[in-house]
Amino acid sequence: MDWNEARYVDDRCTLFQRESGVLLDIPSLPGSYGIGEIGPHALKFLRLLRDTGQKLWHIISLRTFDPERLFTGTSYGWNTALISFAWLRDDGLVTLDELMQFKKDLEPLKNNRAHIIFLRQQFLKQVAKNFHKRASPELLAASIKFQKYNHLWLNKFSLFQTLEEEFEKPWYQWPDRLRSFNRLPIEMAMKQLQEKIQEKNILQFLFTRYWEKVRSEANYFGIRIMLSLPVFVAQNSYEVWSNQSLFYIDEDGSMTATSGICPNHILPNGKLFCGPQYRWKRIQTEQYKFWINRFRRELQNVNIVFLEHFHALFECYEFPADDQKTALENGHLVSTDNRSLFDRVREILQTKNIIASDIFESNSKMERAIRQLDMASAVIVPFCFSQKTTTTQVFPRYFTQHHIVYSSNYFSDSLLQWLKNFSERLSTDSRSELQRCFGTDLNRINRNGLLHLRDSGAGAVMTTLPDVLELEQKCNEFLSWRFEWEQITDVVKTRLLQLSQR
C-alpha cells in the first residue's frame, strides 16, 4: 500500500476511553535496598494510582537497566535484579540478619547505581543457591511447575546468560561450536552447566511469582499496565543468538547491517542502534512467527504493548555496520512494509492492544499508517512543537481518540525544564500555539499544560511524577531518578486527581 495516498479512516480506535495514567519505571520506586523493586512499594504505588483515578501505568522495561536497550531490547527473560527482597523474606528465602547486612554493605554505595545493581545480583545468586534448602514444599512445587510450563525457552535462555558469565564475552565471541547455536553442542553445554542454569531458572521463577502479585493487584484495581517493546533487538541477545538466520549477521555473528536514526531536530547527531537489521523477507516467509512469539510473551504479562520505533515496520534507515564512525553518513532508506504483521497478530493473538510509538519519525505518513491499522498512536508534548515551521506537527488541538499523549518521557526533559529552557527556540507557529495552550505565567505554566492535555481530545493522557511534582529534570536524569513517599503530598494527589477527571 502507498501510505502517501492512503486516506484517513474515522477515529475508530477504542483502546482508550478518555483515561489518564503515569509513566514510571520500577527502579524509580522508593525502597530500602538501593533501587525500586517489584514488591510492597509497587503495590503502594498502585494504590496511589487507584486513589487518584488513574487507569494506566506505563513501565519502560522489566528486562534491562541499560539505556541502549530502550532502542534495541529483548523479549526473553526478566531483569531479576528487580526481585523484591522484602518478599524473599516473606517466602523464607532470606533472613532478617542477611537483609540487615546487605543494607550495611549498601551504605557506602548510595550514589553508585552500577555497584548497587551488582551487589543485588550477587545477593540474589546466593538466594538461588540456597533455594532448595530454604523453600517450602509449596514454593518448590510452584518452581517445578513454572519450569515445565516455560521449558521451550527457559533452559536455553538461562544457558545464554550462564555462558555470558563463563566467557565474559558476548555470544558472537564464543567458541564456534556454541556461537552457531547447533543442537548437540547446546545440549552438551546444558548438561555440563546444569546447576548454574537451574539457579538462573529459579530467579526467573521468583521474578514471575512477584510480578504476578503486582499484576493481579493492578487488574483488581482496574489499572492496565503498559510495557515498552523496541522493534529491534540487541546484537548480544538471546533472540539473535537463537535466530541467526533472521538477521543481517555473518557466520562469525558480526552485524553486516544495522538500523538507526538519521540526524534530526530531536537527535542532531543521529543514532545507531546496537542491534542488526532484520531479514524481513525471511520473517514474512515464516508468517511472522518470530514476531508473534514476541507479542505473545509480552501480552501474557502486561495488558498493552508500547511498540517503540514503529516506523521501522514500514520503512527505516539501514546503515553499514563495519565502520561505526562513518555509518551515519552512508545510510539509505529501505522499505519493509509489514502491514500484514498486524493482520497476523490479530488473527493469532486476537488483540489490538498494541500502541504505535515513534517520536523520531512522527509525520503525516506514519499517522496515516497508524490510522489505517486502527491503532493507538503515542505523542510526546515536547516533540509536538518544532524549531522549524512544518505542516506535519501534531499540536494539542489535533489530538483525537486514537492518541495517547505524554506530558514528557524518558527521551525528553521534564515538562517544566523544557518549557523554561527550550520554548524560546521554537518556530513562530510553535511558540504561538504553546502560549495558547499553556499560557505565559511561568508559575502556572506546568499545571496549565497538564490541564490543557486533560481537556484535549486525546483518548489517554499520561504524565510523569517529575511533571506532577513540577521538577526541572533533564532527560539523562530520568532513568536514574527515584521518588520518596514524602514527596506525594495532598497537593500532588490533587493534581493527579484533576488529571483523571476527563
Protein backbone atom coordinates (compact mmCIF):
# COMPACT_ATOMS: atom_id res chain seq x y z
CA MET A 1 0.00 0.00 0.00
CA ASP A 2 1.15 3.54 -0.77
CA TRP A 3 0.79 5.23 2.60
CA ASN A 4 1.16 8.65 0.99
CA GLU A 5 -2.05 8.04 -0.94
CA ALA A 6 -3.91 6.32 1.90
CA ARG A 7 -6.88 8.29 3.21
CA TYR A 8 -7.62 8.79 6.87
CA VAL A 9 -10.29 6.50 8.26
CA ASP A 10 -12.65 7.53 11.05
CA ASP A 11 -11.26 7.60 14.57
CA ARG A 12 -12.42 4.11 15.44
CA CYS A 13 -9.70 3.30 17.97
CA THR A 14 -11.39 2.19 21.19
CA LEU A 15 -8.30 1.17 23.17
CA PHE A 16 -8.67 4.22 25.44
CA GLN A 17 -11.83 5.84 26.77
CA ARG A 18 -10.62 9.26 27.97
CA GLU A 19 -8.30 7.81 30.60
CA SER A 20 -5.13 9.01 32.31
CA GLY A 21 -2.09 7.40 33.86
CA VAL A 22 1.54 7.68 34.91
CA LEU A 23 4.83 6.71 33.27
CA LEU A 24 7.16 5.35 35.96
CA ASP A 25 9.86 2.70 35.73
CA ILE A 26 10.20 0.13 38.52
CA PRO A 27 13.70 1.27 39.66
CA SER A 28 12.24 4.77 40.28
CA LEU A 29 10.09 3.45 43.13
CA PRO A 30 11.21 4.07 46.74
CA GLY A 31 12.75 1.24 48.72
CA SER A 32 15.33 0.23 51.30
CA TYR A 33 17.61 -1.87 49.10
CA GLY A 34 19.23 0.53 46.64
CA ILE A 35 16.71 0.66 43.80
CA GLY A 36 12.97 0.27 43.32
CA GLU A 37 11.72 -3.34 43.26
CA ILE A 38 8.75 -5.45 42.31
CA GLY A 39 7.45 -5.54 45.85
CA PRO A 40 5.46 -3.69 48.51
CA HIS A 41 6.24 -0.22 47.16
CA ALA A 42 4.91 -1.24 43.73
CA LEU A 43 1.62 -2.22 45.40
CA LYS A 44 1.57 1.08 47.31
CA PHE A 45 2.10 2.95 44.03
CA LEU A 46 -0.84 1.07 42.51
CA ARG A 47 -2.99 2.21 45.44
CA LEU A 48 -1.90 5.80 44.73
CA LEU A 49 -2.98 5.38 41.10
CA ARG A 50 -6.32 3.91 42.20
CA ASP A 51 -7.00 6.65 44.77
CA THR A 52 -6.28 9.40 42.23
CA GLY A 53 -8.39 7.89 39.46
CA GLN A 54 -5.55 6.72 37.18
CA LYS A 55 -6.23 3.78 34.87
CA LEU A 56 -2.83 3.25 33.22
CA TRP A 57 0.71 2.53 34.40
CA HIS A 58 3.45 2.62 31.76
CA ILE A 59 6.64 0.76 32.70
CA ILE A 60 9.64 1.32 30.46
CA SER A 61 11.39 -2.02 30.90
CA LEU A 62 11.28 -5.13 33.05
CA ARG A 63 14.36 -6.55 31.35
CA THR A 64 17.22 -4.08 31.49
CA PHE A 65 18.78 -1.06 33.20
CA ASP A 66 20.77 -0.18 30.07
CA PRO A 67 19.51 2.96 28.26
CA GLU A 68 20.79 1.49 24.97
CA ARG A 69 18.31 -1.35 25.35
CA LEU A 70 15.49 1.20 25.05
CA PHE A 71 16.44 1.27 21.38
CA THR A 72 17.21 -2.42 20.99
CA GLY A 73 15.93 -4.78 23.64
CA THR A 74 15.00 -8.36 24.32
CA SER A 75 11.71 -10.10 24.98
CA TYR A 76 13.09 -13.13 26.83
CA GLY A 77 13.88 -13.35 30.49
CA TRP A 78 13.33 -10.79 33.22
CA ASN A 79 15.67 -8.36 34.94
CA THR A 80 15.92 -10.40 38.12
CA ALA A 81 17.74 -7.59 39.96
CA LEU A 82 14.24 -6.10 40.41
CA ILE A 83 13.13 -9.01 42.64
CA SER A 84 11.70 -7.82 45.97
CA PHE A 85 14.00 -8.51 48.91
CA ALA A 86 11.06 -7.96 51.30
CA TRP A 87 9.04 -10.68 49.59
CA LEU A 88 12.05 -13.00 49.59
CA ARG A 89 11.99 -12.73 53.36
CA ASP A 90 8.23 -13.39 53.42
CA ASP A 91 8.90 -16.58 51.44
CA GLY A 92 11.57 -17.64 53.93
CA LEU A 93 14.36 -17.41 51.35
CA VAL A 94 16.44 -14.81 53.22
CA THR A 95 16.79 -13.94 56.89
CA LEU A 96 16.45 -10.58 58.62
CA ASP A 97 20.14 -10.70 59.55
CA GLU A 98 21.11 -11.17 55.90
CA LEU A 99 18.99 -8.19 54.86
CA MET A 100 20.48 -6.03 57.60
CA GLN A 101 23.98 -6.97 56.46
CA PHE A 102 23.03 -6.13 52.86
CA LYS A 103 21.87 -2.67 53.97
CA LYS A 104 25.22 -2.11 55.69
CA ASP A 105 27.05 -3.13 52.51
CA LEU A 106 24.89 -0.67 50.55
CA GLU A 107 25.63 2.30 52.79
CA PRO A 108 28.89 3.44 51.11
CA LEU A 109 27.35 2.90 47.64
CA LYS A 110 24.39 5.25 47.92
CA ASN A 111 25.28 7.24 44.80
CA ASN A 112 26.80 4.44 42.74
CA ARG A 113 23.92 2.79 40.91
CA ALA A 114 26.06 0.32 38.94
CA HIS A 115 27.65 -1.05 42.10
CA ILE A 116 24.28 -1.26 43.83
CA ILE A 117 22.89 -3.35 40.99
CA PHE A 118 25.99 -5.60 41.03
CA LEU A 119 25.63 -6.09 44.79
CA ARG A 120 21.97 -7.00 44.41
CA GLN A 121 22.80 -9.52 41.69
CA GLN A 122 25.45 -11.17 43.87
CA PHE A 123 22.98 -11.35 46.77
CA LEU A 124 20.35 -12.96 44.51
CA LYS A 125 22.84 -15.56 43.28
CA GLN A 126 23.18 -16.72 46.87
CA VAL A 127 19.39 -16.80 47.23
CA ALA A 128 19.19 -19.09 44.20
CA LYS A 129 21.91 -21.40 45.58
CA ASN A 130 20.06 -21.76 48.89
CA PHE A 131 16.61 -22.06 47.30
CA HIS A 132 16.14 -25.83 47.64
CA LYS A 133 17.30 -25.75 51.29
CA ARG A 134 15.01 -22.92 52.36
CA ALA A 135 11.95 -23.06 50.10
CA SER A 136 8.71 -24.52 51.41
CA PRO A 137 7.22 -27.59 49.68
CA GLU A 138 4.58 -25.33 48.07
CA LEU A 139 7.25 -22.98 46.70
CA LEU A 140 9.31 -25.90 45.38
CA ALA A 141 6.25 -27.33 43.63
CA ALA A 142 5.44 -23.91 42.10
CA SER A 143 9.03 -23.63 40.83
CA ILE A 144 8.86 -27.04 39.15
CA LYS A 145 5.53 -26.16 37.55
CA PHE A 146 6.94 -22.85 36.23
CA GLN A 147 9.94 -24.57 34.67
CA LYS A 148 7.79 -27.20 32.97
CA TYR A 149 5.42 -24.58 31.58
CA ASN A 150 8.28 -22.45 30.19
CA HIS A 151 10.62 -25.24 29.09
CA LEU A 152 10.58 -24.19 25.41
CA TRP A 153 12.71 -21.11 26.11
CA LEU A 154 13.74 -21.06 29.76
CA ASN A 155 16.68 -23.50 29.86
CA LYS A 156 18.22 -22.12 26.67
CA PHE A 157 17.83 -18.55 27.83
CA SER A 158 19.44 -19.40 31.18
CA LEU A 159 22.21 -21.17 29.30
CA PHE A 160 22.76 -17.99 27.28
CA GLN A 161 23.15 -15.96 30.48
CA THR A 162 25.41 -18.60 32.03
CA LEU A 163 27.70 -18.74 29.00
CA GLU A 164 27.94 -14.94 29.02
CA GLU A 165 29.23 -15.13 32.58
CA GLU A 166 31.53 -18.09 31.87
CA PHE A 167 33.25 -16.47 28.88
CA GLU A 168 32.76 -12.85 29.97
CA LYS A 169 32.14 -12.07 26.30
CA PRO A 170 29.13 -11.58 24.01
CA TRP A 171 27.89 -14.69 22.20
CA TYR A 172 29.50 -13.78 18.86
CA GLN A 173 32.93 -14.10 20.54
CA TRP A 174 32.27 -17.57 21.97
CA PRO A 175 33.85 -20.76 20.57
CA ASP A 176 32.46 -21.78 17.17
CA ARG A 177 30.56 -24.81 18.50
CA LEU A 178 28.47 -22.62 20.84
CA ARG A 179 28.31 -19.49 18.73
CA SER A 180 26.50 -21.28 15.90
CA PHE A 181 23.65 -22.49 18.18
CA ASN A 182 23.91 -26.08 16.95
CA ARG A 183 21.73 -28.58 18.82
CA LEU A 184 24.32 -31.12 20.04
CA PRO A 185 26.86 -28.62 21.50
CA ILE A 186 23.98 -26.73 23.14
CA GLU A 187 22.60 -29.89 24.75
CA MET A 188 26.08 -30.87 25.96
CA ALA A 189 26.64 -27.41 27.47
CA MET A 190 23.26 -27.58 29.21
CA LYS A 191 24.25 -30.86 30.88
CA GLN A 192 27.67 -29.53 31.92
CA LEU A 193 26.25 -26.29 33.35
CA GLN A 194 23.02 -27.72 34.71
CA GLU A 195 23.50 -26.40 38.27
CA LYS A 196 24.16 -22.81 37.20
CA ILE A 197 21.29 -22.94 34.70
CA GLN A 198 18.98 -24.12 37.46
CA GLU A 199 19.97 -21.12 39.59
CA LYS A 200 19.08 -18.78 36.72
CA ASN A 201 15.75 -20.60 36.29
CA ILE A 202 14.91 -20.10 39.97
CA LEU A 203 15.48 -16.35 39.76
CA GLN A 204 13.24 -16.17 36.67
CA PHE A 205 10.61 -18.06 38.66
CA LEU A 206 10.85 -15.70 41.63
CA PHE A 207 10.57 -12.65 39.41
CA THR A 208 7.48 -14.09 37.71
CA ARG A 209 5.95 -15.01 41.07
CA TYR A 210 6.33 -11.48 42.42
CA TRP A 211 5.32 -9.82 39.17
CA GLU A 212 2.08 -11.80 39.26
CA LYS A 213 1.29 -10.23 42.65
CA VAL A 214 1.68 -6.76 41.18
CA ARG A 215 -0.22 -7.54 38.00
CA SER A 216 -3.09 -9.19 39.90
CA GLU A 217 -3.40 -6.13 42.14
CA ALA A 218 -3.43 -3.85 39.10
CA ASN A 219 -6.16 -5.93 37.46
CA TYR A 220 -8.18 -5.85 40.68
CA PHE A 221 -7.94 -2.05 40.76
CA GLY A 222 -8.86 -1.77 37.08
CA ILE A 223 -5.42 -0.41 36.16
CA ARG A 224 -3.87 -1.54 32.89
CA ILE A 225 -0.10 -1.96 32.68
CA MET A 226 1.79 -0.96 29.54
CA LEU A 227 5.31 -2.11 28.71
CA SER A 228 7.67 -0.71 26.06
CA LEU A 229 8.94 -3.09 23.39
CA PRO A 230 11.59 -1.86 20.90
CA VAL A 231 11.19 -3.04 17.31
CA PHE A 232 14.86 -4.00 17.14
CA VAL A 233 16.72 -6.43 19.39
CA ALA A 234 20.29 -6.12 20.63
CA GLN A 235 23.08 -7.97 18.87
CA ASN A 236 24.11 -9.60 22.12
CA SER A 237 20.70 -11.05 22.90
CA TYR A 238 19.15 -14.47 23.14
CA GLU A 239 16.86 -13.63 20.19
CA VAL A 240 19.73 -13.04 17.77
CA TRP A 241 21.83 -15.95 19.04
CA SER A 242 18.94 -18.41 18.67
CA ASN A 243 17.55 -16.97 15.38
CA GLN A 244 20.65 -16.00 13.42
CA SER A 245 19.09 -16.63 10.01
CA LEU A 246 16.56 -13.82 10.63
CA PHE A 247 19.18 -11.07 10.97
CA TYR A 248 21.86 -9.43 8.87
CA ILE A 249 24.85 -11.08 10.52
CA ASP A 250 27.68 -13.12 9.04
CA GLU A 251 28.96 -16.58 10.01
CA ASP A 252 31.00 -15.06 12.85
CA GLY A 253 27.95 -13.35 14.31
CA SER A 254 29.12 -9.87 13.30
CA MET A 255 26.49 -7.44 12.06
CA THR A 256 26.55 -6.71 8.33
CA ALA A 257 23.79 -4.09 8.53
CA THR A 258 22.25 -2.18 11.38
CA SER A 259 19.42 0.28 11.77
CA GLY A 260 19.18 3.68 13.37
CA ILE A 261 18.01 7.26 13.11
CA CYS A 262 19.41 9.88 10.77
CA PRO A 263 20.28 13.27 12.31
CA ASN A 264 17.14 15.30 13.00
CA HIS A 265 15.86 18.09 15.27
CA ILE A 266 15.41 15.64 18.17
CA LEU A 267 18.70 13.75 17.73
CA PRO A 268 21.06 16.23 15.99
CA ASN A 269 23.83 13.62 15.77
CA GLY A 270 21.57 10.77 14.78
CA LYS A 271 21.64 7.38 16.47
CA LEU A 272 22.84 3.89 15.56
CA PHE A 273 21.02 1.05 17.28
CA CYS A 274 23.08 -1.71 18.92
CA GLY A 275 21.32 -4.45 17.00
CA PRO A 276 21.29 -5.93 13.50
CA GLN A 277 18.75 -5.21 10.79
CA TYR A 278 16.10 -7.89 10.22
CA ARG A 279 15.88 -10.07 7.14
CA TRP A 280 12.26 -9.06 6.70
CA LYS A 281 11.55 -11.24 3.66
CA ARG A 282 12.57 -14.35 5.59
CA ILE A 283 10.45 -13.30 8.58
CA GLN A 284 7.49 -12.71 6.28
CA THR A 285 8.02 -16.14 4.65
CA GLU A 286 7.75 -17.70 8.11
CA GLN A 287 4.40 -15.95 8.67
CA TYR A 288 5.91 -13.63 11.29
CA LYS A 289 6.37 -16.50 13.75
CA PHE A 290 9.25 -14.64 15.44
CA TRP A 291 7.10 -11.54 15.96
CA ILE A 292 4.01 -13.44 17.02
CA ASN A 293 6.08 -15.07 19.78
CA ARG A 294 7.46 -11.67 20.87
CA PHE A 295 4.00 -10.14 21.18
CA ARG A 296 2.56 -13.26 22.81
CA ARG A 297 5.21 -13.23 25.53
CA GLU A 298 4.63 -9.56 26.31
CA LEU A 299 0.83 -9.79 26.34
CA GLN A 300 0.96 -12.75 28.71
CA ASN A 301 2.49 -10.43 31.30
CA VAL A 302 1.07 -6.96 30.64
CA ASN A 303 -2.14 -5.50 29.25
CA ILE A 304 -0.76 -3.29 26.47
CA VAL A 305 2.46 -3.34 24.41
CA PHE A 306 4.02 0.04 23.64
CA LEU A 307 5.87 -0.57 20.35
CA GLU A 308 8.90 1.73 20.08
CA HIS A 309 10.29 2.80 16.66
CA PHE A 310 7.09 1.80 14.88
CA HIS A 311 8.18 3.37 11.57
CA ALA A 312 10.79 0.63 11.09
CA LEU A 313 8.00 -1.85 10.34
CA PHE A 314 7.23 0.11 7.15
CA GLU A 315 10.45 1.84 6.21
CA CYS A 316 13.66 2.60 8.03
CA TYR A 317 17.22 3.72 7.55
CA GLU A 318 19.77 0.96 7.16
CA PHE A 319 23.44 1.59 7.88
CA PRO A 320 26.60 -0.42 7.21
CA ALA A 321 27.94 -1.98 10.39
CA ASP A 322 31.62 -2.24 9.53
CA ASP A 323 32.59 1.36 10.35
CA GLN A 324 30.70 2.98 13.23
CA LYS A 325 32.34 6.37 12.65
CA THR A 326 31.09 6.83 9.08
CA ALA A 327 27.96 4.65 9.22
CA LEU A 328 25.53 7.55 9.71
CA GLU A 329 26.88 9.18 6.55
CA ASN A 330 26.21 6.08 4.46
CA GLY A 331 22.68 5.09 5.47
CA HIS A 332 19.89 4.52 3.00
CA LEU A 333 16.13 4.20 3.30
CA VAL A 334 14.70 0.71 2.86
CA SER A 335 11.05 -0.26 2.54
CA THR A 336 9.92 -3.06 4.85
CA ASP A 337 6.09 -2.74 4.64
CA ASN A 338 4.89 -5.14 7.34
CA ARG A 339 1.20 -4.26 7.37
CA SER A 340 0.39 -7.97 7.22
CA LEU A 341 2.19 -8.43 10.56
CA PHE A 342 -0.67 -6.74 12.39
CA ASP A 343 -3.26 -8.73 10.46
CA ARG A 344 -1.42 -11.85 11.58
CA VAL A 345 -1.23 -10.65 15.21
CA ARG A 346 -4.98 -10.03 15.30
CA GLU A 347 -5.68 -13.37 13.66
CA ILE A 348 -3.46 -15.43 16.01
CA LEU A 349 -3.50 -13.44 19.26
CA GLN A 350 -6.95 -11.86 18.93
CA THR A 351 -5.77 -8.50 20.26
CA LYS A 352 -5.45 -4.85 19.30
CA ASN A 353 -3.60 -3.90 22.50
CA ILE A 354 -0.51 -2.56 20.72
CA ILE A 355 0.39 1.14 20.64
CA ALA A 356 2.46 2.65 17.83
CA SER A 357 5.18 4.96 19.09
CA ASP A 358 7.73 6.82 17.02
CA ILE A 359 8.84 10.19 18.35
CA PHE A 360 11.82 10.34 15.98
CA GLU A 361 9.90 9.74 12.76
CA SER A 362 6.48 11.20 13.55
CA ASN A 363 4.93 12.62 10.40
CA SER A 364 1.72 12.58 8.40
CA LYS A 365 2.76 9.41 6.57
CA MET A 366 3.13 7.48 9.81
CA GLU A 367 -0.13 8.96 11.11
CA ARG A 368 -1.90 7.56 8.05
CA ALA A 369 -0.30 4.15 8.53
CA ILE A 370 -1.33 4.06 12.18
CA ARG A 371 -4.92 5.04 11.42
CA GLN A 372 -5.19 2.58 8.55
CA LEU A 373 -4.21 -0.14 11.04
CA ASP A 374 -6.77 1.13 13.58
CA MET A 375 -4.07 1.52 16.22
CA ALA A 376 -3.46 3.97 19.04
CA SER A 377 -0.61 6.41 18.49
CA ALA A 378 1.74 7.89 21.13
CA VAL A 379 2.56 11.60 21.13
CA ILE A 380 5.09 13.32 23.44
CA VAL A 381 4.33 17.02 24.05
CA PRO A 382 7.89 18.44 23.88
CA PHE A 383 8.23 16.88 20.43
CA CYS A 384 4.93 18.34 19.17
CA PHE A 385 6.50 21.78 18.98
CA SER A 386 9.34 22.19 16.50
CA GLN A 387 12.09 24.76 15.97
CA LYS A 388 11.13 24.75 12.31
CA THR A 389 7.84 25.64 10.70
CA THR A 390 6.28 22.41 9.44
CA THR A 391 2.84 21.24 8.39
CA THR A 392 3.23 17.80 9.95
CA GLN A 393 3.19 18.90 13.59
CA VAL A 394 0.54 17.34 15.81
CA PHE A 395 -0.45 20.25 18.05
CA PRO A 396 -2.73 19.51 21.04
CA ARG A 397 -5.76 20.85 19.17
CA TYR A 398 -5.33 17.97 16.69
CA PHE A 399 -5.35 15.21 19.32
CA THR A 400 -8.03 12.57 18.73
CA GLN A 401 -9.35 9.43 20.36
CA HIS A 402 -6.54 7.36 18.82
CA HIS A 403 -3.81 9.44 20.53
CA ILE A 404 -2.17 8.62 23.86
CA VAL A 405 -0.41 11.82 24.89
CA TYR A 406 2.61 12.12 27.22
CA SER A 407 3.50 15.35 29.03
CA SER A 408 7.14 14.17 28.75
CA ASN A 409 9.03 10.90 28.67
CA TYR A 410 12.48 9.36 29.04
CA PHE A 411 13.70 10.85 25.72
CA SER A 412 12.74 14.40 26.73
CA ASP A 413 13.34 16.79 29.60
CA SER A 414 10.59 17.15 32.16
CA LEU A 415 7.79 19.44 31.02
CA LEU A 416 8.84 22.35 33.25
CA GLN A 417 12.53 22.02 32.27
CA TRP A 418 11.58 22.06 28.61
CA LEU A 419 9.10 24.95 28.91
CA LYS A 420 11.59 27.16 30.74
CA ASN A 421 14.68 26.42 28.69
CA PHE A 422 13.61 25.50 25.18
CA SER A 423 10.35 27.24 24.34
CA GLU A 424 12.17 30.39 23.12
CA ARG A 425 13.93 28.34 20.44
CA LEU A 426 10.65 27.30 18.80
CA SER A 427 9.32 28.49 15.47
CA THR A 428 6.80 31.32 15.49
CA ASP A 429 3.91 28.92 14.87
CA SER A 430 5.02 26.57 17.64
CA ARG A 431 5.56 29.38 20.16
CA SER A 432 2.16 30.87 19.39
CA GLU A 433 0.46 27.51 19.80
CA LEU A 434 2.39 26.82 23.01
CA GLN A 435 1.26 30.11 24.57
CA ARG A 436 -2.32 29.45 23.51
CA CYS A 437 -2.27 26.02 25.19
CA PHE A 438 -0.13 26.63 28.27
CA GLY A 439 -0.29 30.37 28.90
CA THR A 440 2.67 32.60 29.78
CA ASP A 441 2.69 32.56 33.60
CA LEU A 442 5.80 30.53 34.47
CA ASN A 443 4.41 29.83 37.94
CA ARG A 444 1.41 28.04 36.46
CA ILE A 445 2.60 27.00 33.02
CA ASN A 446 3.26 23.38 34.03
CA ARG A 447 -0.16 22.98 35.71
CA ASN A 448 -1.87 24.75 32.83
CA GLY A 449 -0.20 22.35 30.44
CA LEU A 450 -1.41 19.24 32.27
CA LEU A 451 -4.96 20.61 32.49
CA HIS A 452 -4.92 21.52 28.80
CA LEU A 453 -3.90 17.98 27.93
CA ARG A 454 -6.67 16.69 30.21
CA ASP A 455 -9.22 18.73 28.27
CA SER A 456 -7.87 17.74 24.84
CA GLY A 457 -9.49 15.21 22.56
CA ALA A 458 -6.85 12.54 23.26
CA GLY A 459 -8.03 9.06 24.18
CA ALA A 460 -5.49 8.90 27.05
CA VAL A 461 -3.20 11.36 28.79
CA MET A 462 -0.03 10.21 30.54
CA THR A 463 2.22 12.17 32.86
CA THR A 464 5.37 11.50 34.86
CA LEU A 465 5.89 12.11 38.57
CA PRO A 466 8.60 14.75 37.83
CA ASP A 467 5.94 16.64 35.84
CA VAL A 468 3.35 16.34 38.61
CA LEU A 469 5.99 17.36 41.19
CA GLU A 470 6.97 20.27 38.90
CA LEU A 471 10.64 19.30 38.82
CA GLU A 472 13.15 20.76 36.39
CA GLN A 473 14.72 17.48 35.29
CA LYS A 474 16.88 16.69 32.28
CA CYS A 475 16.19 13.60 30.20
CA ASN A 476 19.51 11.97 31.13
CA GLU A 477 18.36 12.01 34.77
CA PHE A 478 15.06 10.25 34.12
CA LEU A 479 16.19 6.62 34.28
CA SER A 480 18.21 7.03 37.49
CA TRP A 481 15.67 9.22 39.33
CA ARG A 482 13.76 7.88 42.36
CA PHE A 483 10.93 9.49 44.28
CA GLU A 484 10.20 9.35 48.01
CA TRP A 485 6.76 8.95 49.51
CA GLU A 486 7.21 12.24 51.41
CA GLN A 487 7.01 14.00 48.03
CA ILE A 488 3.48 12.68 47.41
CA THR A 489 1.63 15.41 49.29
CA ASP A 490 -2.09 16.20 49.21
CA VAL A 491 -1.32 18.86 46.57
CA VAL A 492 0.33 16.25 44.34
CA LYS A 493 -2.57 13.83 44.81
CA THR A 494 -4.99 16.64 43.88
CA ARG A 495 -3.08 17.32 40.64
CA LEU A 496 -3.28 13.63 39.72
CA LEU A 497 -6.97 13.54 40.60
CA GLN A 498 -7.62 16.58 38.40
CA LEU A 499 -5.83 14.87 35.51
CA SER A 500 -8.13 11.86 35.83
CA GLN A 501 -11.32 13.94 35.69
CA ARG A 502 -11.71 13.67 31.95
